[in-house]
Amino acid sequence: MARKIDKNEGKLSDDSKIYDKEFEEKKLSPKERFKNMTFKEKVSYFNYYYLKGIIVFLVVAVLLFISVKDYFTQDKVIVKIVILNSAYDDAEIEKMEKKI
């Protein structure tokens, strides 16, 4: 069975908006569109395009700040001593600390 092919199939009609000169003139720049948005639309626009990036940036910045701060403010450990299989009370440990 053969299919009839219409010459206009897949083409836009002559009255389509893409051919309308007034429609082309009504296109607004992004700044003008943003000015015409309501507050809810502006918040939604911000959330969609910028919120994820800002959150990721802030998390990375906080982690970097904490890491650098900890690196420069850490206490210097001179000696670490581990005593295994022995029972010492606090008084004996303090005596050892004083000797060191």
Protein backbone atom coordinates (compact mmCIF):
# COMPACT_ATOMS: atom_id res chain seq x y z
CA MET A 1 0.00 0.00 0.00
CA ALA A 2 1.48 3.32 -1.03
CA ARG A 3 1.40 6.37 1.17
CA LYS A 4 0.29 9.69 -0.21
CA ILE A 5 2.82 12.42 0.44
CA ASP A 6 1.64 15.95 1.04
CA LYS A 7 4.05 18.59 -0.25
CA ASN A 8 3.29 20.85 2.74
CA GLU A 9 3.84 18.13 5.34
CA GLY A 10 6.40 19.24 7.90
CA LYS A 11 6.31 22.88 6.77
CA LEU A 12 5.09 25.79 8.83
CA SER A 13 1.96 27.56 7.73
CA ASP A 14 2.29 31.03 6.26
CA ASP A 15 0.62 32.63 9.30
CA SER A 16 3.10 31.09 11.76
CA LYS A 17 4.62 33.38 14.43
CA ILE A 18 8.11 32.79 13.09
CA TYR A 19 7.19 34.82 10.01
CA ASP A 20 5.44 37.58 11.99
CA LYS A 21 7.58 40.75 12.01
CA GLU A 22 5.69 42.18 15.02
CA PHE A 23 6.47 39.04 17.03
CA GLU A 24 10.16 39.48 16.27
CA GLU A 25 10.01 43.07 17.53
CA LYS A 26 8.25 41.97 20.74
CA LYS A 27 11.13 39.70 21.74
CA LEU A 28 12.67 41.08 24.90
CA SER A 29 16.26 40.95 26.02
CA PRO A 30 16.98 38.87 29.14
CA LYS A 31 17.31 42.03 31.25
CA GLU A 32 13.94 43.32 30.08
CA ARG A 33 12.31 39.92 30.71
CA PHE A 34 13.78 39.85 34.24
CA LYS A 35 12.43 43.34 34.94
CA ASN A 36 8.94 42.25 33.88
CA MET A 37 8.91 39.15 36.13
CA THR A 38 7.01 38.98 39.40
CA PHE A 39 8.88 38.33 42.64
CA LYS A 40 7.92 34.63 42.60
CA GLU A 41 9.14 34.27 39.02
CA LYS A 42 12.44 35.96 39.92
CA VAL A 43 12.95 33.62 42.90
CA SER A 44 12.14 30.61 40.74
CA TYR A 45 14.55 31.84 38.03
CA PHE A 46 17.31 32.34 40.62
CA ASN A 47 16.71 28.91 42.17
CA TYR A 48 16.78 27.18 38.79
CA TYR A 49 19.93 28.80 37.43
CA TYR A 50 22.08 29.89 40.39
CA LEU A 51 21.12 28.23 43.70
CA LYS A 52 22.89 24.89 43.18
CA GLY A 53 26.13 26.54 42.13
CA ILE A 54 26.10 28.93 45.07
CA ILE A 55 25.43 26.12 47.56
CA VAL A 56 28.28 24.02 46.14
CA PHE A 57 30.61 27.04 46.22
CA LEU A 58 29.72 27.81 49.85
CA VAL A 59 30.20 24.21 50.99
CA VAL A 60 33.60 24.00 49.28
CA ALA A 61 34.63 27.40 50.69
CA VAL A 62 33.64 26.40 54.26
CA LEU A 63 35.47 23.06 54.01
CA LEU A 64 38.56 24.78 52.63
CA PHE A 65 38.45 27.44 55.37
CA ILE A 66 38.11 24.80 58.11
CA SER A 67 40.96 22.74 56.67
CA VAL A 68 43.32 25.71 56.41
CA LYS A 69 42.37 26.97 59.88
CA ASP A 70 42.98 23.53 61.43
CA TYR A 71 46.30 23.18 59.63
CA PHE A 72 47.66 26.46 60.96
CA THR A 73 46.20 26.28 64.49
CA GLN A 74 46.97 22.66 65.36
CA ASP A 75 48.97 21.89 68.48
CA LYS A 76 52.41 20.47 67.84
CA VAL A 77 52.79 17.01 69.35
CA ILE A 78 56.34 16.40 70.50
CA VAL A 79 56.08 12.87 71.88
CA LYS A 80 53.34 10.24 71.83
CA ILE A 81 53.65 7.40 74.31
CA VAL A 82 51.54 4.28 74.41
CA ILE A 83 51.69 1.90 77.37
CA LEU A 84 50.29 -1.55 76.75
CA ASN A 85 49.31 -4.29 79.20
CA SER A 86 49.84 -2.09 82.26
CA ALA A 87 47.52 -0.58 84.80
CA TYR A 88 48.42 2.94 85.82
CA ASP A 89 46.34 5.35 87.84
CA ASP A 90 46.17 9.10 87.20
CA ALA A 91 48.84 9.96 89.78
CA GLU A 92 51.43 7.71 88.13
CA ILE A 93 50.58 9.09 84.68
CA GLU A 94 51.05 12.65 85.93
CA LYS A 95 54.48 11.71 87.37
CA MET A 96 55.49 10.31 83.99
CA GLU A 97 54.27 13.47 82.21
CA LYS A 98 56.37 15.63 84.53
CA LYS A 99 59.48 13.55 83.89
CA ILE A 100 59.05 13.95 80.14
